[in-house]
Amino acid sequence: MSALQTPTELILHARSRQLEIAFTDGQRFRIAYELMRVCSPSAEVQGHGPGQEVLQTGKREVDIEAIEPVGHYAVKPRFSDGHDSGLFSWTYLYALGRDQDRLWAQYLQRLEQAGLDRDAPMRSAAGPGCASH
């Protein structure tokens, strides 16, 4: 994706819990809110360095209650579980949409390795999250 790629459309689909985003290069993605939440670029999820990621659980039913623009380069969603510290740049959203099948498979594998499922309650320091970033 070129640094000049910007969204031409951004739609929150409440019923299906998906963000639909179209880019100037013609790419269009639908990204599940759950994937956005478990792969949030925030320090709360990613930690402050390798190995500090926090595996997110219990996010299957998470909604996006609001989404704010951040300059001309990102959005900041407020999730229904109170999480609102992730800045999703256009580049990050493009990569999340493009790579979502791989990221989802990695997330499910990490859950399995931790002996958890998607609906398990959150516990602190549960191990790696969406460690693709």
C-alpha atoms as a PDB file:
ATOM      1  CA  MET A   1       0.000   0.000   0.000  1.00  0.00           C
ATOM      2  CA  SER A   2       1.332   3.407  -0.906  1.00  0.00           C
ATOM      3  CA  ALA A   3       1.582   6.028   1.834  1.00  0.00           C
ATOM      4  CA  LEU A   4      -0.891   8.027  -0.257  1.00  0.00           C
ATOM      5  CA  GLN A   5      -3.699   5.441   0.092  1.00  0.00           C
ATOM      6  CA  THR A   6      -6.643   6.846   1.985  1.00  0.00           C
ATOM      7  CA  PRO A   7     -10.128   5.529   2.608  1.00  0.00           C
ATOM      8  CA  THR A   8     -12.864   6.573   0.253  1.00  0.00           C
ATOM      9  CA  GLU A   9     -15.560   5.044   2.460  1.00  0.00           C
ATOM     10  CA  LEU A  10     -15.824   3.854   6.048  1.00  0.00           C
ATOM     11  CA  ILE A  11     -19.019   2.202   7.288  1.00  0.00           C
ATOM     12  CA  LEU A  12     -19.788   0.629  10.662  1.00  0.00           C
ATOM     13  CA  HIS A  13     -22.159  -2.345  10.276  1.00  0.00           C
ATOM     14  CA  ALA A  14     -23.696  -2.762  13.732  1.00  0.00           C
ATOM     15  CA  ARG A  15     -25.674  -5.926  13.005  1.00  0.00           C
ATOM     16  CA  SER A  16     -22.741  -7.910  11.556  1.00  0.00           C
ATOM     17  CA  ARG A  17     -20.192  -6.145  13.793  1.00  0.00           C
ATOM     18  CA  GLN A  18     -17.922  -5.278  10.888  1.00  0.00           C
ATOM     19  CA  LEU A  19     -16.095  -2.209   9.686  1.00  0.00           C
ATOM     20  CA  GLU A  20     -16.312  -1.806   5.924  1.00  0.00           C
ATOM     21  CA  ILE A  21     -13.524   0.286   4.469  1.00  0.00           C
ATOM     22  CA  ALA A  22     -12.734   1.127   0.851  1.00  0.00           C
ATOM     23  CA  PHE A  23      -9.424   2.601  -0.308  1.00  0.00           C
ATOM     24  CA  THR A  24      -8.369   4.766  -3.237  1.00  0.00           C
ATOM     25  CA  ASP A  25      -6.693   1.769  -4.931  1.00  0.00           C
ATOM     26  CA  GLY A  26     -10.085   0.028  -5.191  1.00  0.00           C
ATOM     27  CA  GLN A  27      -9.528  -2.408  -2.314  1.00  0.00           C
ATOM     28  CA  ARG A  28     -12.534  -2.895  -0.033  1.00  0.00           C
ATOM     29  CA  PHE A  29     -12.424  -4.843   3.214  1.00  0.00           C
ATOM     30  CA  ARG A  30     -14.909  -5.889   5.885  1.00  0.00           C
ATOM     31  CA  ILE A  31     -13.098  -6.329   9.184  1.00  0.00           C
ATOM     32  CA  ALA A  32     -14.801  -7.904  12.203  1.00  0.00           C
ATOM     33  CA  TYR A  33     -14.912  -5.695  15.283  1.00  0.00           C
ATOM     34  CA  GLU A  34     -13.621  -8.672  17.265  1.00  0.00           C
ATOM     35  CA  LEU A  35     -10.493  -8.886  15.093  1.00  0.00           C
ATOM     36  CA  MET A  36      -9.952  -5.139  15.399  1.00  0.00           C
ATOM     37  CA  ARG A  37     -10.259  -5.390  19.179  1.00  0.00           C
ATOM     38  CA  VAL A  38      -7.958  -8.390  19.652  1.00  0.00           C
ATOM     39  CA  CYS A  39      -5.382  -6.860  17.261  1.00  0.00           C
ATOM     40  CA  SER A  40      -5.684  -3.314  18.547  1.00  0.00           C
ATOM     41  CA  PRO A  41      -2.421  -1.420  17.992  1.00  0.00           C
ATOM     42  CA  SER A  42      -2.637  -0.047  21.542  1.00  0.00           C
ATOM     43  CA  ALA A  43       0.045  -0.656  24.157  1.00  0.00           C
ATOM     44  CA  GLU A  44      -2.675  -2.255  26.310  1.00  0.00           C
ATOM     45  CA  VAL A  45      -2.874  -5.085  23.749  1.00  0.00           C
ATOM     46  CA  GLN A  46       0.540  -5.032  22.044  1.00  0.00           C
ATOM     47  CA  GLY A  47       2.599  -4.195  25.122  1.00  0.00           C
ATOM     48  CA  HIS A  48       5.704  -2.058  24.939  1.00  0.00           C
ATOM     49  CA  GLY A  49       7.931  -4.604  23.246  1.00  0.00           C
ATOM     50  CA  PRO A  50       8.194  -8.174  21.965  1.00  0.00           C
ATOM     51  CA  GLY A  51       6.805 -10.738  24.388  1.00  0.00           C
ATOM     52  CA  GLN A  52       4.640  -8.214  26.247  1.00  0.00           C
ATOM     53  CA  GLU A  53       1.504  -8.762  24.161  1.00  0.00           C
ATOM     54  CA  VAL A  54      -1.697  -9.517  26.089  1.00  0.00           C
ATOM     55  CA  LEU A  55      -3.930 -12.220  24.628  1.00  0.00           C
ATOM     56  CA  GLN A  56      -7.439 -10.803  24.365  1.00  0.00           C
ATOM     57  CA  THR A  57     -10.437 -13.009  25.134  1.00  0.00           C
ATOM     58  CA  GLY A  58     -14.162 -12.513  25.575  1.00  0.00           C
ATOM     59  CA  LYS A  59     -14.420 -10.090  22.625  1.00  0.00           C
ATOM     60  CA  ARG A  60     -16.784 -12.028  20.340  1.00  0.00           C
ATOM     61  CA  GLU A  61     -19.704  -9.677  21.063  1.00  0.00           C
ATOM     62  CA  VAL A  62     -17.712  -6.427  21.212  1.00  0.00           C
ATOM     63  CA  ASP A  63     -19.228  -3.459  19.414  1.00  0.00           C
ATOM     64  CA  ILE A  64     -17.810  -0.164  18.251  1.00  0.00           C
ATOM     65  CA  GLU A  65     -19.818   2.530  20.008  1.00  0.00           C
ATOM     66  CA  ALA A  66     -18.103   5.481  18.332  1.00  0.00           C
ATOM     67  CA  ILE A  67     -15.249   6.182  15.968  1.00  0.00           C
ATOM     68  CA  GLU A  68     -13.311   9.457  15.861  1.00  0.00           C
ATOM     69  CA  PRO A  69     -11.045  10.735  13.109  1.00  0.00           C
ATOM     70  CA  VAL A  70      -7.450  11.431  14.148  1.00  0.00           C
ATOM     71  CA  GLY A  71      -5.984  13.985  11.787  1.00  0.00           C
ATOM     72  CA  HIS A  72      -5.996  12.775   8.193  1.00  0.00           C
ATOM     73  CA  TYR A  73      -4.255   9.482   8.926  1.00  0.00           C
ATOM     74  CA  ALA A  74      -6.227   7.377  11.427  1.00  0.00           C
ATOM     75  CA  VAL A  75      -9.367   6.664  13.427  1.00  0.00           C
ATOM     76  CA  LYS A  76      -9.818   5.924  17.113  1.00  0.00           C
ATOM     77  CA  PRO A  77     -12.668   3.498  17.831  1.00  0.00           C
ATOM     78  CA  ARG A  78     -14.344   3.273  21.230  1.00  0.00           C
ATOM     79  CA  PHE A  79     -15.269  -0.353  21.844  1.00  0.00           C
ATOM     80  CA  SER A  80     -18.191  -1.445  24.017  1.00  0.00           C
ATOM     81  CA  ASP A  81     -15.787  -2.992  26.561  1.00  0.00           C
ATOM     82  CA  GLY A  82     -14.342   0.475  27.223  1.00  0.00           C
ATOM     83  CA  HIS A  83     -11.172   0.033  25.145  1.00  0.00           C
ATOM     84  CA  ASP A  84     -10.417   3.278  23.335  1.00  0.00           C
ATOM     85  CA  SER A  85      -6.641   3.692  23.261  1.00  0.00           C
ATOM     86  CA  GLY A  86      -5.875   2.180  19.847  1.00  0.00           C
ATOM     87  CA  LEU A  87      -5.136   4.501  16.923  1.00  0.00           C
ATOM     88  CA  PHE A  88      -5.908   2.636  13.715  1.00  0.00           C
ATOM     89  CA  SER A  89      -3.946   4.324  10.929  1.00  0.00           C
ATOM     90  CA  TRP A  90      -5.043   3.895   7.331  1.00  0.00           C
ATOM     91  CA  THR A  91      -1.926   1.765   6.743  1.00  0.00           C
ATOM     92  CA  TYR A  92      -2.779  -0.419   9.754  1.00  0.00           C
ATOM     93  CA  LEU A  93      -6.416  -0.861   8.673  1.00  0.00           C
ATOM     94  CA  TYR A  94      -5.337  -1.743   5.141  1.00  0.00           C
ATOM     95  CA  ALA A  95      -2.937  -4.397   6.483  1.00  0.00           C
ATOM     96  CA  LEU A  96      -5.570  -5.689   8.924  1.00  0.00           C
ATOM     97  CA  GLY A  97      -8.077  -6.084   6.084  1.00  0.00           C
ATOM     98  CA  ARG A  98      -5.571  -7.595   3.659  1.00  0.00           C
ATOM     99  CA  ASP A  99      -4.118 -10.045   6.214  1.00  0.00           C
ATOM    100  CA  GLN A 100      -7.212 -10.828   8.271  1.00  0.00           C
ATOM    101  CA  ASP A 101      -7.382 -14.549   7.393  1.00  0.00           C
ATOM    102  CA  ARG A 102      -3.784 -15.080   8.545  1.00  0.00           C
ATOM    103  CA  LEU A 103      -4.211 -12.875  11.630  1.00  0.00           C
ATOM    104  CA  TRP A 104      -7.408 -14.680  12.605  1.00  0.00           C
ATOM    105  CA  ALA A 105      -5.694 -18.092  12.262  1.00  0.00           C
ATOM    106  CA  GLN A 106      -2.773 -16.875  14.404  1.00  0.00           C
ATOM    107  CA  TYR A 107      -5.168 -15.579  17.045  1.00  0.00           C
ATOM    108  CA  LEU A 108      -7.053 -18.889  17.206  1.00  0.00           C
ATOM    109  CA  GLN A 109      -3.748 -20.773  17.432  1.00  0.00           C
ATOM    110  CA  ARG A 110      -2.602 -18.597  20.334  1.00  0.00           C
ATOM    111  CA  LEU A 111      -5.892 -19.191  22.121  1.00  0.00           C
ATOM    112  CA  GLU A 112      -5.477 -22.938  21.675  1.00  0.00           C
ATOM    113  CA  GLN A 113      -1.877 -22.838  22.930  1.00  0.00           C
ATOM    114  CA  ALA A 114      -3.049 -20.933  26.013  1.00  0.00           C
ATOM    115  CA  GLY A 115      -5.857 -23.429  26.627  1.00  0.00           C
ATOM    116  CA  LEU A 116      -8.471 -20.704  26.108  1.00  0.00           C
ATOM    117  CA  ASP A 117     -11.334 -20.003  23.770  1.00  0.00           C
ATOM    118  CA  ARG A 118     -12.667 -16.782  22.305  1.00  0.00           C
ATOM    119  CA  ASP A 119     -15.302 -16.430  25.005  1.00  0.00           C
ATOM    120  CA  ALA A 120     -13.026 -16.952  28.024  1.00  0.00           C
ATOM    121  CA  PRO A 121     -13.032 -14.051  30.479  1.00  0.00           C
ATOM    122  CA  MET A 122     -10.009 -11.771  30.217  1.00  0.00           C
ATOM    123  CA  ARG A 123      -7.153 -12.487  32.562  1.00  0.00           C
ATOM    124  CA  SER A 124      -4.096 -10.312  32.964  1.00  0.00           C
ATOM    125  CA  ALA A 125      -0.820 -11.183  31.231  1.00  0.00           C
ATOM    126  CA  ALA A 126      -2.364 -14.111  29.346  1.00  0.00           C
ATOM    127  CA  GLY A 127       0.457 -14.228  26.806  1.00  0.00           C
ATOM    128  CA  PRO A 128       0.868 -13.200  23.184  1.00  0.00           C
ATOM    129  CA  GLY A 129      -1.926 -11.278  21.492  1.00  0.00           C
ATOM    130  CA  CYS A 130      -2.030 -10.447  17.814  1.00  0.00           C
ATOM    131  CA  ALA A 131       1.742 -10.379  17.528  1.00  0.00           C
ATOM    132  CA  SER A 132       1.995  -9.518  13.867  1.00  0.00           C
ATOM    133  CA  HIS A 133       2.892  -5.881  14.397  1.00  0.00           C
END
